[in-house]
Amino acid sequence: CFMTGPLKGQKMRLVGHADPRGEDNYNLVLGGQRADNVKKTLVAEGMAADMVQTSSRGEEDATGADETGWAKDRRVDVQLGD
């Protein structure tokens, strides 16, 4: 979609998230690593690296209270970039 489809030429923002277990700073780093790993995969598939920004929200948006919920907290959201 971003490489050959209707969003070709559009920048992408990847926002990493973590579950609430662990220290705040650790979870910010962990969310960033998740987003960076998705970016590496997209770049390996042909996406231009300068078209993808990464950031982390850590545990800020976490809502899980058990393993099922925490699994949903551990994610990377794809958004349109600026």
C-alpha atoms as a PDB file:
ATOM      1  CA  CYS A   1       0.000   0.000   0.000  1.00  0.00           C
ATOM      2  CA  PHE A   2       2.812   2.455   0.893  1.00  0.00           C
ATOM      3  CA  MET A   3       5.178   1.208  -1.830  1.00  0.00           C
ATOM      4  CA  THR A   4       2.944   0.635  -4.855  1.00  0.00           C
ATOM      5  CA  GLY A   5      -0.641   1.342  -3.772  1.00  0.00           C
ATOM      6  CA  PRO A   6      -2.718   4.412  -3.027  1.00  0.00           C
ATOM      7  CA  LEU A   7      -0.369   5.569  -0.236  1.00  0.00           C
ATOM      8  CA  LYS A   8       2.772   5.456  -2.397  1.00  0.00           C
ATOM      9  CA  GLY A   9       4.970   8.426  -1.521  1.00  0.00           C
ATOM     10  CA  GLN A  10       3.241   8.920   1.841  1.00  0.00           C
ATOM     11  CA  LYS A  11       5.387   8.814   4.964  1.00  0.00           C
ATOM     12  CA  MET A  12       4.668   6.216   7.628  1.00  0.00           C
ATOM     13  CA  ARG A  13       4.947   6.539  11.393  1.00  0.00           C
ATOM     14  CA  LEU A  14       5.435   3.413  13.523  1.00  0.00           C
ATOM     15  CA  VAL A  15       4.543   3.799  17.199  1.00  0.00           C
ATOM     16  CA  GLY A  16       5.726   1.070  19.563  1.00  0.00           C
ATOM     17  CA  HIS A  17       3.860   0.099  22.723  1.00  0.00           C
ATOM     18  CA  ALA A  18       4.574  -2.077  25.763  1.00  0.00           C
ATOM     19  CA  ASP A  19       2.545  -3.679  28.517  1.00  0.00           C
ATOM     20  CA  PRO A  20       2.585  -2.008  31.968  1.00  0.00           C
ATOM     21  CA  ARG A  21       4.955  -4.478  33.600  1.00  0.00           C
ATOM     22  CA  GLY A  22       8.451  -3.096  34.067  1.00  0.00           C
ATOM     23  CA  GLU A  23       9.894   0.354  34.650  1.00  0.00           C
ATOM     24  CA  ASP A  24       8.650   3.345  32.629  1.00  0.00           C
ATOM     25  CA  ASN A  25      12.010   3.983  30.936  1.00  0.00           C
ATOM     26  CA  TYR A  26      12.467   0.306  30.096  1.00  0.00           C
ATOM     27  CA  ASN A  27       9.033   0.197  28.476  1.00  0.00           C
ATOM     28  CA  LEU A  28       9.767   3.320  26.429  1.00  0.00           C
ATOM     29  CA  VAL A  29      12.937   1.686  25.112  1.00  0.00           C
ATOM     30  CA  LEU A  30      11.102  -1.592  24.490  1.00  0.00           C
ATOM     31  CA  GLY A  31       8.366   0.145  22.494  1.00  0.00           C
ATOM     32  CA  GLY A  32      11.048   1.911  20.460  1.00  0.00           C
ATOM     33  CA  GLN A  33      12.792  -1.376  19.739  1.00  0.00           C
ATOM     34  CA  ARG A  34       9.512  -2.889  18.553  1.00  0.00           C
ATOM     35  CA  ALA A  35       8.930   0.004  16.162  1.00  0.00           C
ATOM     36  CA  ASP A  36      12.551  -0.127  14.925  1.00  0.00           C
ATOM     37  CA  ASN A  37      12.249  -3.867  14.235  1.00  0.00           C
ATOM     38  CA  VAL A  38       9.118  -3.332  12.143  1.00  0.00           C
ATOM     39  CA  LYS A  39      10.924  -0.562  10.253  1.00  0.00           C
ATOM     40  CA  LYS A  40      13.876  -2.867   9.532  1.00  0.00           C
ATOM     41  CA  THR A  41      11.494  -5.461   8.116  1.00  0.00           C
ATOM     42  CA  LEU A  42       9.712  -2.908   5.920  1.00  0.00           C
ATOM     43  CA  VAL A  43      13.017  -1.516   4.636  1.00  0.00           C
ATOM     44  CA  ALA A  44      14.207  -5.054   3.854  1.00  0.00           C
ATOM     45  CA  GLU A  45      11.016  -5.476   1.794  1.00  0.00           C
ATOM     46  CA  GLY A  46      11.742  -2.313  -0.220  1.00  0.00           C
ATOM     47  CA  MET A  47      10.303   0.609   1.728  1.00  0.00           C
ATOM     48  CA  ALA A  48      12.576   3.661   1.696  1.00  0.00           C
ATOM     49  CA  ALA A  49      14.062   4.155   5.184  1.00  0.00           C
ATOM     50  CA  ASP A  50      13.583   7.926   5.051  1.00  0.00           C
ATOM     51  CA  MET A  51       9.833   7.416   4.576  1.00  0.00           C
ATOM     52  CA  VAL A  52       9.427   5.634   7.943  1.00  0.00           C
ATOM     53  CA  GLN A  53       9.618   7.348  11.344  1.00  0.00           C
ATOM     54  CA  THR A  54       9.587   5.446  14.626  1.00  0.00           C
ATOM     55  CA  SER A  55       8.602   6.446  18.128  1.00  0.00           C
ATOM     56  CA  SER A  56       7.482   4.874  21.381  1.00  0.00           C
ATOM     57  CA  ARG A  57       4.633   5.424  23.805  1.00  0.00           C
ATOM     58  CA  GLY A  58       5.914   2.745  26.156  1.00  0.00           C
ATOM     59  CA  GLU A  59       3.171   1.713  28.553  1.00  0.00           C
ATOM     60  CA  GLU A  60       1.227   5.008  28.315  1.00  0.00           C
ATOM     61  CA  ASP A  61      -1.730   3.483  26.433  1.00  0.00           C
ATOM     62  CA  ALA A  62      -1.675   0.056  28.108  1.00  0.00           C
ATOM     63  CA  THR A  63      -5.048  -1.254  29.245  1.00  0.00           C
ATOM     64  CA  GLY A  64      -4.379  -4.942  29.933  1.00  0.00           C
ATOM     65  CA  ALA A  65      -4.772  -6.478  33.382  1.00  0.00           C
ATOM     66  CA  ASP A  66      -3.759 -10.062  32.561  1.00  0.00           C
ATOM     67  CA  GLU A  67      -1.666 -11.938  29.975  1.00  0.00           C
ATOM     68  CA  THR A  68      -4.368 -11.710  27.302  1.00  0.00           C
ATOM     69  CA  GLY A  69      -4.654  -7.956  27.752  1.00  0.00           C
ATOM     70  CA  TRP A  70      -0.909  -7.444  28.045  1.00  0.00           C
ATOM     71  CA  ALA A  71      -0.404  -9.287  24.752  1.00  0.00           C
ATOM     72  CA  LYS A  72      -2.641  -6.671  23.074  1.00  0.00           C
ATOM     73  CA  ASP A  73      -0.619  -3.880  24.718  1.00  0.00           C
ATOM     74  CA  ARG A  74       2.597  -5.171  23.084  1.00  0.00           C
ATOM     75  CA  ARG A  75       2.195  -3.842  19.555  1.00  0.00           C
ATOM     76  CA  VAL A  76       3.276  -1.368  16.889  1.00  0.00           C
ATOM     77  CA  ASP A  77       0.682   0.977  15.414  1.00  0.00           C
ATOM     78  CA  VAL A  78       1.049   2.111  11.783  1.00  0.00           C
ATOM     79  CA  GLN A  79       0.015   5.704  11.139  1.00  0.00           C
ATOM     80  CA  LEU A  80       0.285   8.149   8.278  1.00  0.00           C
ATOM     81  CA  GLY A  81       3.372  10.291   8.661  1.00  0.00           C
ATOM     82  CA  ASP A  82       3.758  14.035   8.344  1.00  0.00           C
END
